Amino acid sequence: MPEHPRPTADQVSSGISIRLVLGSLAGPLFVGSFTAIGARRAGYDWRRHAVSSLATGRPGWFQRANFVLTGLLYLLAASGLACCPRRVVGSRAVPILIGAAGAGLIGSGVFVTDPVAGFPPASSAESGAGIAAPKKSSQSRSGALHNLCAIPVFVGIPVAGVLSAVSAAGHKEYRWAGFSAGSSLAMVGSLVLFGAAFGGTPRLAPNGGLFQRVSIAAVFGWLSALSLRGLASPPGSCSPRSRA
């Protein structure tokens, strides 16, 4: 059998760069997509309602596809970041946590959430604003799995940010350390707020969607910045042999 030529170092480096570019674009594409999808859903209020609620119902396949595609992009980005030096990325656990977040996003697209904050509204109980009072019911299996899939995103990425911050501080790269630590703090703070809002806290409920979007911006903004950091590293530093 003829031997297949092995990829050259330039080809390998180019492949890693492509994965990092995809990682930098995944967040903006995800946010832009769900913003456009939400603008077209009747009765959907981005300030109140969860992004995941856009995956419900017949029109929900757009957002389900958005979840899956973004998850695949982050899996590719994680494989690229795994080839970058620890000084660029941080702990060896960082690419693993990012890969887990990618898998979690795919799971979020497969398992649809239960109605949250009155969306989608029950057709028989819609108010003039198109928002029905949420009904108290037991959580479905799909809803429970959806919430489970969110853990690697909203918990795993803040942990990755802290690990990257600690590593950067050890290398006296204080600007990146401060940005990573600040992003993780923003992720956790907004996570607490939108969790309380969707949990029914009256004062926070009208802005639950807003708090979630702040957390999403912090999560995906940091991931984009990390991917760009890998791209900006010295040529050839991100390769399967450089991860030391």
C-alpha atoms as a PDB file:
ATOM      1  CA  MET A   1       0.000   0.000   0.000  1.00  0.00           C
ATOM      2  CA  PRO A   2       1.320   3.477  -0.851  1.00  0.00           C
ATOM      3  CA  GLU A   3       2.369   5.540   2.120  1.00  0.00           C
ATOM      4  CA  HIS A   4       0.444   8.734   2.727  1.00  0.00           C
ATOM      5  CA  PRO A   5       2.757  11.730   3.138  1.00  0.00           C
ATOM      6  CA  ARG A   6       2.841  13.137   6.620  1.00  0.00           C
ATOM      7  CA  PRO A   7       1.697  16.739   7.031  1.00  0.00           C
ATOM      8  CA  THR A   8       4.510  19.249   7.170  1.00  0.00           C
ATOM      9  CA  ALA A   9       5.153  21.460  10.198  1.00  0.00           C
ATOM     10  CA  ASP A  10       3.663  24.404   8.289  1.00  0.00           C
ATOM     11  CA  GLN A  11       0.511  22.440   7.526  1.00  0.00           C
ATOM     12  CA  VAL A  12       0.134  21.405  11.164  1.00  0.00           C
ATOM     13  CA  SER A  13       0.678  24.981  12.337  1.00  0.00           C
ATOM     14  CA  SER A  14      -1.851  26.242   9.784  1.00  0.00           C
ATOM     15  CA  GLY A  15      -4.420  23.724  10.989  1.00  0.00           C
ATOM     16  CA  ILE A  16      -3.979  24.845  14.585  1.00  0.00           C
ATOM     17  CA  SER A  17      -4.305  28.493  13.548  1.00  0.00           C
ATOM     18  CA  ILE A  18      -7.574  27.750  11.763  1.00  0.00           C
ATOM     19  CA  ARG A  19      -8.953  26.114  14.912  1.00  0.00           C
ATOM     20  CA  LEU A  20      -7.942  29.139  16.980  1.00  0.00           C
ATOM     21  CA  VAL A  21      -9.600  31.491  14.476  1.00  0.00           C
ATOM     22  CA  LEU A  22     -12.782  29.451  14.766  1.00  0.00           C
ATOM     23  CA  GLY A  23     -12.534  29.714  18.546  1.00  0.00           C
ATOM     24  CA  SER A  24     -12.262  33.493  18.347  1.00  0.00           C
ATOM     25  CA  LEU A  25     -15.330  33.701  16.070  1.00  0.00           C
ATOM     26  CA  ALA A  26     -17.557  31.178  17.861  1.00  0.00           C
ATOM     27  CA  GLY A  27     -18.751  33.534  20.599  1.00  0.00           C
ATOM     28  CA  PRO A  28     -19.654  36.504  18.359  1.00  0.00           C
ATOM     29  CA  LEU A  29     -21.439  34.166  15.924  1.00  0.00           C
ATOM     30  CA  PHE A  30     -23.405  32.573  18.765  1.00  0.00           C
ATOM     31  CA  VAL A  31     -24.449  35.912  20.249  1.00  0.00           C
ATOM     32  CA  GLY A  32     -25.315  37.421  16.876  1.00  0.00           C
ATOM     33  CA  SER A  33     -27.385  34.363  15.970  1.00  0.00           C
ATOM     34  CA  PHE A  34     -29.470  34.176  19.130  1.00  0.00           C
ATOM     35  CA  THR A  35     -30.015  37.944  19.021  1.00  0.00           C
ATOM     36  CA  ALA A  36     -31.419  37.672  15.493  1.00  0.00           C
ATOM     37  CA  ILE A  37     -33.469  34.588  16.416  1.00  0.00           C
ATOM     38  CA  GLY A  38     -34.933  36.290  19.483  1.00  0.00           C
ATOM     39  CA  ALA A  39     -35.919  39.368  17.489  1.00  0.00           C
ATOM     40  CA  ARG A  40     -38.130  37.175  15.309  1.00  0.00           C
ATOM     41  CA  ARG A  41     -39.869  35.216  18.094  1.00  0.00           C
ATOM     42  CA  ALA A  42     -43.267  36.590  19.061  1.00  0.00           C
ATOM     43  CA  GLY A  43     -43.597  37.302  22.772  1.00  0.00           C
ATOM     44  CA  TYR A  44     -39.881  36.941  23.453  1.00  0.00           C
ATOM     45  CA  ASP A  45     -38.339  39.635  25.674  1.00  0.00           C
ATOM     46  CA  TRP A  46     -34.541  39.462  25.728  1.00  0.00           C
ATOM     47  CA  ARG A  47     -34.414  41.327  29.046  1.00  0.00           C
ATOM     48  CA  ARG A  48     -36.589  38.767  30.809  1.00  0.00           C
ATOM     49  CA  HIS A  49     -36.259  35.468  28.970  1.00  0.00           C
ATOM     50  CA  ALA A  50     -33.427  32.957  28.791  1.00  0.00           C
ATOM     51  CA  VAL A  51     -31.448  32.345  25.616  1.00  0.00           C
ATOM     52  CA  SER A  52     -32.201  28.629  25.954  1.00  0.00           C
ATOM     53  CA  SER A  53     -35.931  29.346  25.694  1.00  0.00           C
ATOM     54  CA  LEU A  54     -35.392  30.146  22.013  1.00  0.00           C
ATOM     55  CA  ALA A  55     -34.770  26.420  21.456  1.00  0.00           C
ATOM     56  CA  THR A  56     -38.350  25.522  22.391  1.00  0.00           C
ATOM     57  CA  GLY A  57     -41.172  24.889  19.954  1.00  0.00           C
ATOM     58  CA  ARG A  58     -41.109  24.394  16.199  1.00  0.00           C
ATOM     59  CA  PRO A  59     -39.008  27.515  15.487  1.00  0.00           C
ATOM     60  CA  GLY A  60     -36.549  26.332  18.129  1.00  0.00           C
ATOM     61  CA  TRP A  61     -34.455  24.335  15.693  1.00  0.00           C
ATOM     62  CA  PHE A  62     -32.597  27.532  14.740  1.00  0.00           C
ATOM     63  CA  GLN A  63     -31.319  27.988  18.288  1.00  0.00           C
ATOM     64  CA  ARG A  64     -30.725  24.267  18.749  1.00  0.00           C
ATOM     65  CA  ALA A  65     -28.505  24.354  15.661  1.00  0.00           C
ATOM     66  CA  ASN A  66     -26.808  27.461  17.068  1.00  0.00           C
ATOM     67  CA  PHE A  67     -25.950  25.581  20.261  1.00  0.00           C
ATOM     68  CA  VAL A  68     -24.589  22.546  18.408  1.00  0.00           C
ATOM     69  CA  LEU A  69     -22.532  24.520  15.886  1.00  0.00           C
ATOM     70  CA  THR A  70     -20.992  26.700  18.607  1.00  0.00           C
ATOM     71  CA  GLY A  71     -20.152  23.632  20.656  1.00  0.00           C
ATOM     72  CA  LEU A  72     -18.384  22.034  17.698  1.00  0.00           C
ATOM     73  CA  LEU A  73     -16.371  25.219  17.117  1.00  0.00           C
ATOM     74  CA  TYR A  74     -15.238  25.245  20.741  1.00  0.00           C
ATOM     75  CA  LEU A  75     -14.236  21.592  20.572  1.00  0.00           C
ATOM     76  CA  LEU A  76     -12.006  22.503  17.629  1.00  0.00           C
ATOM     77  CA  ALA A  77     -10.672  25.545  19.480  1.00  0.00           C
ATOM     78  CA  ALA A  78      -9.894  23.417  22.528  1.00  0.00           C
ATOM     79  CA  SER A  79      -7.843  21.018  20.402  1.00  0.00           C
ATOM     80  CA  GLY A  80      -5.891  23.985  19.026  1.00  0.00           C
ATOM     81  CA  LEU A  81      -5.307  25.525  22.449  1.00  0.00           C
ATOM     82  CA  ALA A  82      -4.106  22.155  23.734  1.00  0.00           C
ATOM     83  CA  CYS A  83      -1.158  22.505  21.329  1.00  0.00           C
ATOM     84  CA  CYS A  84      -0.153  25.931  22.639  1.00  0.00           C
ATOM     85  CA  PRO A  85       2.480  26.462  25.355  1.00  0.00           C
ATOM     86  CA  ARG A  86       1.320  26.612  28.954  1.00  0.00           C
ATOM     87  CA  ARG A  87       2.575  30.189  29.170  1.00  0.00           C
ATOM     88  CA  VAL A  88      -0.019  31.149  26.533  1.00  0.00           C
ATOM     89  CA  VAL A  89      -2.999  29.106  27.741  1.00  0.00           C
ATOM     90  CA  GLY A  90      -2.274  28.310  31.365  1.00  0.00           C
ATOM     91  CA  SER A  91      -2.885  25.006  33.096  1.00  0.00           C
ATOM     92  CA  ARG A  92      -3.236  21.828  31.063  1.00  0.00           C
ATOM     93  CA  ALA A  93      -6.783  21.697  32.424  1.00  0.00           C
ATOM     94  CA  VAL A  94      -7.817  24.852  30.528  1.00  0.00           C
ATOM     95  CA  PRO A  95      -8.248  23.229  27.068  1.00  0.00           C
ATOM     96  CA  ILE A  96     -10.003  20.295  28.736  1.00  0.00           C
ATOM     97  CA  LEU A  97     -12.489  22.632  30.436  1.00  0.00           C
ATOM     98  CA  ILE A  98     -13.073  24.456  27.149  1.00  0.00           C
ATOM     99  CA  GLY A  99     -13.669  21.151  25.377  1.00  0.00           C
ATOM    100  CA  ALA A 100     -16.138  20.196  28.110  1.00  0.00           C
ATOM    101  CA  ALA A 101     -17.937  23.507  27.574  1.00  0.00           C
ATOM    102  CA  GLY A 102     -18.132  22.733  23.851  1.00  0.00           C
ATOM    103  CA  ALA A 103     -19.666  19.341  24.634  1.00  0.00           C
ATOM    104  CA  GLY A 104     -22.050  21.058  27.051  1.00  0.00           C
ATOM    105  CA  LEU A 105     -23.224  23.449  24.340  1.00  0.00           C
ATOM    106  CA  ILE A 106     -23.888  20.522  22.021  1.00  0.00           C
ATOM    107  CA  GLY A 107     -25.878  18.873  24.789  1.00  0.00           C
ATOM    108  CA  SER A 108     -27.810  22.099  25.320  1.00  0.00           C
ATOM    109  CA  GLY A 109     -28.897  21.903  21.703  1.00  0.00           C
ATOM    110  CA  VAL A 110     -29.888  18.260  21.954  1.00  0.00           C
ATOM    111  CA  PHE A 111     -31.829  18.583  25.216  1.00  0.00           C
ATOM    112  CA  VAL A 112     -34.393  21.384  25.174  1.00  0.00           C
ATOM    113  CA  THR A 113     -35.038  23.430  28.292  1.00  0.00           C
ATOM    114  CA  ASP A 114     -38.378  23.626  30.076  1.00  0.00           C
ATOM    115  CA  PRO A 115     -40.348  26.914  29.877  1.00  0.00           C
ATOM    116  CA  VAL A 116     -38.574  29.616  31.897  1.00  0.00           C
ATOM    117  CA  ALA A 117     -40.033  32.958  33.086  1.00  0.00           C
ATOM    118  CA  GLY A 118     -43.216  32.386  31.102  1.00  0.00           C
ATOM    119  CA  PHE A 119     -41.641  31.629  27.713  1.00  0.00           C
ATOM    120  CA  PRO A 120     -42.865  30.029  25.614  1.00  0.00           C
ATOM    121  CA  PRO A 121     -46.319  31.140  26.774  1.00  0.00           C
ATOM    122  CA  ALA A 122     -49.206  28.709  26.876  1.00  0.00           C
ATOM    123  CA  SER A 123     -51.450  29.545  23.922  1.00  0.00           C
ATOM    124  CA  SER A 124     -54.530  29.498  26.134  1.00  0.00           C
ATOM    125  CA  ALA A 125     -53.051  31.827  28.747  1.00  0.00           C
ATOM    126  CA  GLU A 126     -51.221  34.470  26.747  1.00  0.00           C
ATOM    127  CA  SER A 127     -51.536  37.976  28.031  1.00  0.00           C
ATOM    128  CA  GLY A 128     -51.633  41.086  25.885  1.00  0.00           C
ATOM    129  CA  ALA A 129     -47.827  41.260  26.153  1.00  0.00           C
ATOM    130  CA  GLY A 130     -47.516  37.676  25.002  1.00  0.00           C
ATOM    131  CA  ILE A 131     -46.079  36.511  28.351  1.00  0.00           C
ATOM    132  CA  ALA A 132     -47.976  33.995  30.456  1.00  0.00           C
ATOM    133  CA  ALA A 133     -47.482  33.391  34.131  1.00  0.00           C
ATOM    134  CA  PRO A 134     -45.155  30.417  34.589  1.00  0.00           C
ATOM    135  CA  LYS A 135     -46.798  27.243  35.715  1.00  0.00           C
ATOM    136  CA  LYS A 136     -45.316  25.267  38.544  1.00  0.00           C
ATOM    137  CA  SER A 137     -44.606  21.782  37.303  1.00  0.00           C
ATOM    138  CA  SER A 138     -42.033  19.100  37.764  1.00  0.00           C
ATOM    139  CA  GLN A 139     -38.897  19.386  35.701  1.00  0.00           C
ATOM    140  CA  SER A 140     -38.780  17.223  32.603  1.00  0.00           C
ATOM    141  CA  ARG A 141     -35.897  14.874  31.878  1.00  0.00           C
ATOM    142  CA  SER A 142     -34.889  16.998  28.891  1.00  0.00           C
ATOM    143  CA  GLY A 143     -34.950  20.160  31.024  1.00  0.00           C
ATOM    144  CA  ALA A 144     -32.839  18.528  33.725  1.00  0.00           C
ATOM    145  CA  LEU A 145     -30.263  17.338  31.184  1.00  0.00           C
ATOM    146  CA  HIS A 146     -30.204  20.785  29.582  1.00  0.00           C
ATOM    147  CA  ASN A 147     -29.390  22.373  32.937  1.00  0.00           C
ATOM    148  CA  LEU A 148     -26.716  19.732  33.545  1.00  0.00           C
ATOM    149  CA  CYS A 149     -25.109  20.542  30.193  1.00  0.00           C
ATOM    150  CA  ALA A 150     -24.876  24.213  31.191  1.00  0.00           C
ATOM    151  CA  ILE A 151     -22.544  23.440  34.109  1.00  0.00           C
ATOM    152  CA  PRO A 152     -19.346  23.066  32.012  1.00  0.00           C
ATOM    153  CA  VAL A 153     -20.099  26.437  30.403  1.00  0.00           C
ATOM    154  CA  PHE A 154     -21.093  28.625  33.348  1.00  0.00           C
ATOM    155  CA  VAL A 155     -18.936  26.885  35.962  1.00  0.00           C
ATOM    156  CA  GLY A 156     -16.109  25.279  33.972  1.00  0.00           C
ATOM    157  CA  ILE A 157     -15.114  28.398  32.034  1.00  0.00           C
ATOM    158  CA  PRO A 158     -14.815  30.631  35.135  1.00  0.00           C
ATOM    159  CA  VAL A 159     -12.544  27.950  36.621  1.00  0.00           C
ATOM    160  CA  ALA A 160     -10.510  27.947  33.391  1.00  0.00           C
ATOM    161  CA  GLY A 161     -10.235  31.732  33.621  1.00  0.00           C
ATOM    162  CA  VAL A 162      -8.900  31.558  37.167  1.00  0.00           C
ATOM    163  CA  LEU A 163      -6.374  28.866  36.220  1.00  0.00           C
ATOM    164  CA  SER A 164      -5.192  30.954  33.290  1.00  0.00           C
ATOM    165  CA  ALA A 165      -4.949  34.035  35.527  1.00  0.00           C
ATOM    166  CA  VAL A 166      -2.824  32.201  38.094  1.00  0.00           C
ATOM    167  CA  SER A 167      -0.481  30.909  35.395  1.00  0.00           C
ATOM    168  CA  ALA A 168      -0.161  34.348  33.800  1.00  0.00           C
ATOM    169  CA  ALA A 169       0.571  35.974  37.147  1.00  0.00           C
ATOM    170  CA  GLY A 170       3.315  33.411  37.711  1.00  0.00           C
ATOM    171  CA  HIS A 171       4.883  34.534  34.424  1.00  0.00           C
ATOM    172  CA  LYS A 172       4.405  38.209  35.409  1.00  0.00           C
ATOM    173  CA  GLU A 173       1.871  38.763  32.641  1.00  0.00           C
ATOM    174  CA  TYR A 174      -0.333  40.821  34.893  1.00  0.00           C
ATOM    175  CA  ARG A 175      -2.516  42.330  32.185  1.00  0.00           C
ATOM    176  CA  TRP A 176      -3.754  38.946  31.012  1.00  0.00           C
ATOM    177  CA  ALA A 177      -3.986  37.726  34.602  1.00  0.00           C
ATOM    178  CA  GLY A 178      -6.171  40.694  35.533  1.00  0.00           C
ATOM    179  CA  PHE A 179      -8.378  40.299  32.480  1.00  0.00           C
ATOM    180  CA  SER A 180      -8.868  36.560  33.103  1.00  0.00           C
ATOM    181  CA  ALA A 181      -9.596  37.031  36.795  1.00  0.00           C
ATOM    182  CA  GLY A 182     -11.966  39.918  36.103  1.00  0.00           C
ATOM    183  CA  SER A 183     -13.789  37.941  33.422  1.00  0.00           C
ATOM    184  CA  SER A 184     -14.224  35.005  35.796  1.00  0.00           C
ATOM    185  CA  LEU A 185     -15.589  37.320  38.474  1.00  0.00           C
ATOM    186  CA  ALA A 186     -18.058  38.815  35.986  1.00  0.00           C
ATOM    187  CA  MET A 187     -19.121  35.316  34.917  1.00  0.00           C
ATOM    188  CA  VAL A 188     -19.802  34.183  38.473  1.00  0.00           C
ATOM    189  CA  GLY A 189     -21.486  37.419  39.590  1.00  0.00           C
ATOM    190  CA  SER A 190     -23.892  37.492  36.652  1.00  0.00           C
ATOM    191  CA  LEU A 191     -24.482  33.741  37.040  1.00  0.00           C
ATOM    192  CA  VAL A 192     -25.706  34.318  40.594  1.00  0.00           C
ATOM    193  CA  LEU A 193     -27.968  37.155  39.455  1.00  0.00           C
ATOM    194  CA  PHE A 194     -29.597  35.336  36.552  1.00  0.00           C
ATOM    195  CA  GLY A 195     -29.966  32.186  38.645  1.00  0.00           C
ATOM    196  CA  ALA A 196     -31.866  34.190  41.261  1.00  0.00           C
ATOM    197  CA  ALA A 197     -33.914  35.944  38.559  1.00  0.00           C
ATOM    198  CA  PHE A 198     -35.007  32.716  36.886  1.00  0.00           C
ATOM    199  CA  GLY A 199     -35.560  31.243  40.334  1.00  0.00           C
ATOM    200  CA  GLY A 200     -38.360  33.738  40.887  1.00  0.00           C
ATOM    201  CA  THR A 201     -36.817  36.624  42.859  1.00  0.00           C
ATOM    202  CA  PRO A 202     -39.382  39.366  42.108  1.00  0.00           C
ATOM    203  CA  ARG A 203     -36.965  42.293  41.875  1.00  0.00           C
ATOM    204  CA  LEU A 204     -34.596  40.455  39.546  1.00  0.00           C
ATOM    205  CA  ALA A 205     -37.056  38.476  37.398  1.00  0.00           C
ATOM    206  CA  PRO A 206     -37.714  41.271  34.834  1.00  0.00           C
ATOM    207  CA  ASN A 207     -33.979  41.360  34.038  1.00  0.00           C
ATOM    208  CA  GLY A 208     -33.118  37.664  34.123  1.00  0.00           C
ATOM    209  CA  GLY A 209     -32.337  37.562  30.408  1.00  0.00           C
ATOM    210  CA  LEU A 210     -30.144  40.642  30.717  1.00  0.00           C
ATOM    211  CA  PHE A 211     -28.101  39.102  33.542  1.00  0.00           C
ATOM    212  CA  GLN A 212     -27.673  35.909  31.538  1.00  0.00           C
ATOM    213  CA  ARG A 213     -26.443  37.858  28.542  1.00  0.00           C
ATOM    214  CA  VAL A 214     -23.836  39.603  30.679  1.00  0.00           C
ATOM    215  CA  SER A 215     -22.580  36.185  31.772  1.00  0.00           C
ATOM    216  CA  ILE A 216     -22.580  34.902  28.183  1.00  0.00           C
ATOM    217  CA  ALA A 217     -20.640  37.967  27.031  1.00  0.00           C
ATOM    218  CA  ALA A 218     -18.058  37.420  29.780  1.00  0.00           C
ATOM    219  CA  VAL A 219     -17.742  33.691  29.037  1.00  0.00           C
ATOM    220  CA  PHE A 220     -17.460  33.921  25.271  1.00  0.00           C
ATOM    221  CA  GLY A 221     -15.529  37.181  25.333  1.00  0.00           C
ATOM    222  CA  TRP A 222     -12.802  35.533  27.391  1.00  0.00           C
ATOM    223  CA  LEU A 223     -12.772  32.471  25.129  1.00  0.00           C
ATOM    224  CA  SER A 224     -12.377  34.682  22.054  1.00  0.00           C
ATOM    225  CA  ALA A 225      -9.561  36.612  23.734  1.00  0.00           C
ATOM    226  CA  LEU A 226      -7.790  33.375  24.692  1.00  0.00           C
ATOM    227  CA  SER A 227      -8.022  32.083  21.115  1.00  0.00           C
ATOM    228  CA  LEU A 228      -6.601  35.379  19.830  1.00  0.00           C
ATOM    229  CA  ARG A 229      -3.840  35.132  22.426  1.00  0.00           C
ATOM    230  CA  GLY A 230      -2.906  31.755  20.986  1.00  0.00           C
ATOM    231  CA  LEU A 231      -2.911  33.193  17.472  1.00  0.00           C
ATOM    232  CA  ALA A 232      -0.713  36.100  18.550  1.00  0.00           C
ATOM    233  CA  SER A 233       1.903  33.825  20.111  1.00  0.00           C
ATOM    234  CA  PRO A 234       5.259  33.499  18.295  1.00  0.00           C
ATOM    235  CA  PRO A 235       5.004  31.592  14.991  1.00  0.00           C
ATOM    236  CA  GLY A 236       5.394  27.874  15.480  1.00  0.00           C
ATOM    237  CA  SER A 237       4.930  28.041  19.259  1.00  0.00           C
ATOM    238  CA  CYS A 238       1.499  26.404  19.014  1.00  0.00           C
ATOM    239  CA  SER A 239       2.228  22.905  17.801  1.00  0.00           C
ATOM    240  CA  PRO A 240       1.703  19.388  19.143  1.00  0.00           C
ATOM    241  CA  ARG A 241       5.306  19.363  20.402  1.00  0.00           C
ATOM    242  CA  SER A 242       5.257  22.783  22.071  1.00  0.00           C
ATOM    243  CA  ARG A 243       2.783  21.984  24.853  1.00  0.00           C
ATOM    244  CA  ALA A 244       5.212  21.860  27.741  1.00  0.00           C
END
